[in-house]
Structure formats: structure tokens, C-alpha cells
């Protein structure tokens, strides 16, 4: 799925829509994009959609991960792999413990250690289509890996289509 996001507010709204499309199985959301693309904005929208105050969600670059309790005993983990150099280094942080059933895990810079990610995930790539164009314009590409992610992506697509907030890119 691909869509155009005209602003950080629209990116955040799209992420709130993803939150509404998740079920009790949870999901790993792999966020990929260059510095300043909107990965943290997306994570804030996801958190807000899950009932977490988005003001609490900041890039966890120095602590690797921050956790937030969700209703029903579940949790949101916001992970930043920018400063992680290898899978061994990531494993030493306790990353695998965050991947419990029902958890929602938003992983910024997921492309830094791709072999550490679970096979079941939703990859969300955020890019600036034209550096000379509108400074807030982004193109968001989402690819599902696995049946849980495919079902979440299908529900998310329906949420976005119903909102008419975001237009297809291209």
C-alpha cells in the first residue's frame, strides 16, 4: 500500500488509523526512512491511537526502547535502532523480550538490523518524494510480512479509504 501524506499531522492521523486496525495479537511495525522523515511522528500517532499520550513518546535514541502500558494488560514498545550496530548488540538490550504476544512494537531505523526483526511484521517506509518540493510532503509505503500483518494492513487500508484523509501516491 502506498499513500501521500501532505503533513506531519496527516502522517500522525494515518498512524492513529493503523492503531485502530490492530487486534489483540499486536504487531511489530518496522519504521524505515531517513533522518527527519517522520518515523517518530508516526510512532506518536500510533501511540495516540492506542490510548497513550503522544507527548510522552519521543525518540528513544539513548535508551533504545521505551514501554507504555495499554488497556488489557498489553503494551506498546517504542524502539530506536539508530545507535545499534549488530544483532548481538540488540539482543543484549532485551529486544526479544519486547516481542511478547499481544504487544505493539514500533521500531525506528528497523533497516539497521533487519535480521533481528521477526518474520511477522508491517514495514512502513516514509520518504520525501522531492527534496525541492513541499517540505512536509511524504510518501508512505507499507508492506505486510505474514498473515497477522496482512490482516492489519487490509484493515488499515479500509480505515484510510473511509477517512479520505490521504490520497494514493503517484
Protein backbone atom coordinates (compact mmCIF):
# COMPACT_ATOMS: atom_id res chain seq x y z
CA UNK A 1 0.00 0.00 0.00
CA UNK A 2 1.25 3.48 -0.82
CA UNK A 3 -0.19 6.88 0.02
CA UNK A 4 0.83 10.52 0.03
CA UNK A 5 0.94 12.39 3.31
CA UNK A 6 0.88 16.18 2.94
CA UNK A 7 1.90 17.00 6.51
CA UNK A 8 3.14 15.64 9.84
CA UNK A 9 -0.45 15.90 11.11
CA UNK A 10 -1.64 13.66 8.27
CA UNK A 11 1.15 11.16 8.95
CA UNK A 12 0.17 11.10 12.60
CA UNK A 13 -3.52 10.65 11.68
CA UNK A 14 -2.60 7.74 9.39
CA UNK A 15 -0.74 6.09 12.26
CA UNK A 16 -3.78 6.56 14.53
CA UNK A 17 -5.71 4.76 11.81
CA UNK A 18 -3.24 1.88 11.93
CA UNK A 19 -3.72 1.66 15.71
CA UNK A 20 -7.47 1.25 15.16
CA UNK A 21 -6.75 -1.57 12.69
CA UNK A 22 -4.73 -3.67 15.15
CA UNK A 23 -6.24 -6.57 17.02
CA UNK A 24 -5.33 -8.40 20.23
CA UNK A 25 -2.45 -10.20 18.51
CA UNK A 26 -0.44 -6.96 18.39
CA UNK A 27 2.10 -6.21 15.69
CA UNK A 28 5.70 -5.22 15.05
CA UNK A 29 5.77 -2.04 12.95
CA UNK A 30 9.17 -1.57 11.29
CA UNK A 31 9.65 2.15 10.57
CA UNK A 32 12.17 2.96 7.85
CA UNK A 33 13.24 6.30 6.43
CA UNK A 34 15.96 8.91 6.52
CA UNK A 35 16.58 11.32 9.36
CA UNK A 36 13.62 13.69 9.64
CA UNK A 37 11.28 11.53 7.54
CA UNK A 38 8.60 11.30 10.22
CA UNK A 39 9.27 7.97 11.94
CA UNK A 40 8.81 9.44 15.42
CA UNK A 41 5.72 11.37 14.30
CA UNK A 42 4.31 8.06 13.07
CA UNK A 43 5.16 6.36 16.38
CA UNK A 44 3.43 9.20 18.26
CA UNK A 45 0.28 8.77 16.17
CA UNK A 46 0.34 5.02 16.73
CA UNK A 47 0.70 5.60 20.48
CA UNK A 48 -2.12 8.14 20.49
CA UNK A 49 -4.39 5.72 18.65
CA UNK A 50 -3.62 3.11 21.30
CA UNK A 51 -4.51 5.49 24.14
CA UNK A 52 -1.02 6.69 25.09
CA UNK A 53 -0.37 10.43 25.46
CA UNK A 54 1.72 11.21 22.34
CA UNK A 55 3.62 13.90 24.25
CA UNK A 56 5.25 11.07 26.24
CA UNK A 57 6.59 9.47 23.06
CA UNK A 58 9.96 10.81 21.98
CA UNK A 59 12.74 9.22 20.03
CA UNK A 60 14.34 6.78 22.48
CA UNK A 61 17.77 7.02 20.81
CA UNK A 62 19.75 6.90 24.03
CA UNK A 63 17.73 4.26 25.88
CA UNK A 64 16.99 2.03 22.86
CA UNK A 65 13.39 1.33 23.99
CA UNK A 66 10.56 2.91 25.94
CA UNK A 67 7.48 0.97 27.04
CA UNK A 68 3.93 2.19 27.63
CA UNK A 69 1.11 0.16 29.20
CA UNK A 70 -2.03 -0.38 27.13
CA UNK A 71 -5.52 -1.48 28.08
CA UNK A 72 -6.00 -5.18 28.67
CA UNK A 73 -2.51 -5.74 30.07
CA UNK A 74 -0.85 -5.21 26.71
CA UNK A 75 1.95 -2.76 25.99
CA UNK A 76 3.46 -0.54 23.35
CA UNK A 77 7.23 -0.61 22.95
CA UNK A 78 8.91 2.21 21.01
CA UNK A 79 12.37 1.10 19.90
CA UNK A 80 15.11 3.08 18.15
CA UNK A 81 17.88 1.11 16.44
CA UNK A 82 19.87 4.13 15.21
CA UNK A 83 22.76 3.51 17.60
CA UNK A 84 22.64 -0.31 17.44
CA UNK A 85 25.44 -1.82 15.39
CA UNK A 86 24.65 -5.53 15.30
CA UNK A 87 22.12 -8.19 16.15
CA UNK A 88 24.22 -9.31 19.12
CA UNK A 89 24.20 -5.78 20.50
CA UNK A 90 20.43 -5.58 20.05
CA UNK A 91 19.88 -8.99 21.66
CA UNK A 92 21.88 -7.82 24.68
CA UNK A 93 19.37 -4.97 25.22
CA UNK A 94 16.49 -7.39 25.81
CA UNK A 95 14.78 -6.62 22.49
CA UNK A 96 13.43 -10.16 22.16
CA UNK A 97 11.57 -9.75 25.47
CA UNK A 98 9.55 -6.93 23.89
CA UNK A 99 8.14 -9.27 21.24
CA UNK A 100 5.62 -10.95 23.52
CA UNK A 101 2.20 -11.94 22.12
CA UNK A 102 -0.21 -9.00 22.00
CA UNK A 103 2.48 -6.33 22.17
CA UNK A 104 2.65 -3.49 19.68
CA UNK A 105 6.29 -2.72 18.89
CA UNK A 106 7.21 0.33 16.81
CA UNK A 107 10.83 0.01 15.64
CA UNK A 108 12.50 3.12 14.23
CA UNK A 109 15.52 2.59 11.98
CA UNK A 110 14.39 -1.02 11.52
CA UNK A 111 16.62 -1.35 8.46
CA UNK A 112 19.74 -1.03 10.66
CA UNK A 113 19.41 -4.62 11.97
CA UNK A 114 16.88 -6.28 9.63
CA UNK A 115 17.83 -9.84 10.58
CA UNK A 116 16.75 -9.15 14.18
CA UNK A 117 13.15 -8.37 13.20
CA UNK A 118 10.51 -11.07 13.42
CA UNK A 119 9.27 -12.52 10.14
CA UNK A 120 5.75 -11.33 11.08
CA UNK A 121 5.81 -7.54 10.73
CA UNK A 122 4.50 -4.50 8.92
CA UNK A 123 7.18 -2.43 7.25
CA UNK A 124 6.35 1.27 6.90
CA UNK A 125 8.79 3.24 4.75
CA UNK A 126 8.46 7.04 4.89
CA UNK A 127 10.23 9.11 2.26
CA UNK A 128 10.36 12.69 0.99
CA UNK A 129 9.44 12.34 -2.70
CA UNK A 130 11.12 15.53 -3.93
CA UNK A 131 13.60 17.45 -1.76
CA UNK A 132 12.80 20.60 -3.77
CA UNK A 133 9.04 20.16 -3.29
CA UNK A 134 6.78 20.82 -0.34
CA UNK A 135 8.89 20.39 2.81
CA UNK A 136 6.20 18.43 4.65
CA UNK A 137 5.17 16.13 1.77
CA UNK A 138 5.89 12.43 2.35
CA UNK A 139 5.19 9.18 0.56
CA UNK A 140 4.41 6.26 2.84
CA UNK A 141 4.80 2.67 1.63
CA UNK A 142 3.55 -0.21 3.77
CA UNK A 143 4.35 -3.87 3.14
CA UNK A 144 2.99 -6.73 5.22
CA UNK A 145 5.09 -9.76 6.08
CA UNK A 146 2.96 -12.58 7.49
CA UNK A 147 -0.75 -13.22 7.96
CA UNK A 148 -1.25 -11.02 11.05
CA UNK A 149 0.43 -8.08 9.30
CA UNK A 150 -1.55 -8.74 6.10
CA UNK A 151 -4.83 -8.63 8.03
CA UNK A 152 -3.80 -5.43 9.83
CA UNK A 153 -2.73 -3.83 6.54
CA UNK A 154 -6.08 -4.70 4.93
CA UNK A 155 -7.98 -3.15 7.87
CA UNK A 156 -5.69 -0.09 7.83
CA UNK A 157 -6.32 0.37 4.10
CA UNK A 158 -10.08 0.38 4.82
CA UNK A 159 -9.65 2.94 7.63
CA UNK A 160 -7.63 5.25 5.38
CA UNK A 161 -10.06 4.89 2.49
CA UNK A 162 -13.02 5.69 4.77
CA UNK A 163 -11.28 8.76 6.18
CA UNK A 164 -10.49 10.22 2.74
CA UNK A 165 -7.62 11.90 4.55
CA UNK A 166 -4.84 10.52 2.43
CA UNK A 167 -4.63 10.18 -1.33
CA UNK A 168 -2.89 7.42 -3.28
CA UNK A 169 0.68 8.46 -4.12
CA UNK A 170 1.89 8.88 -7.62
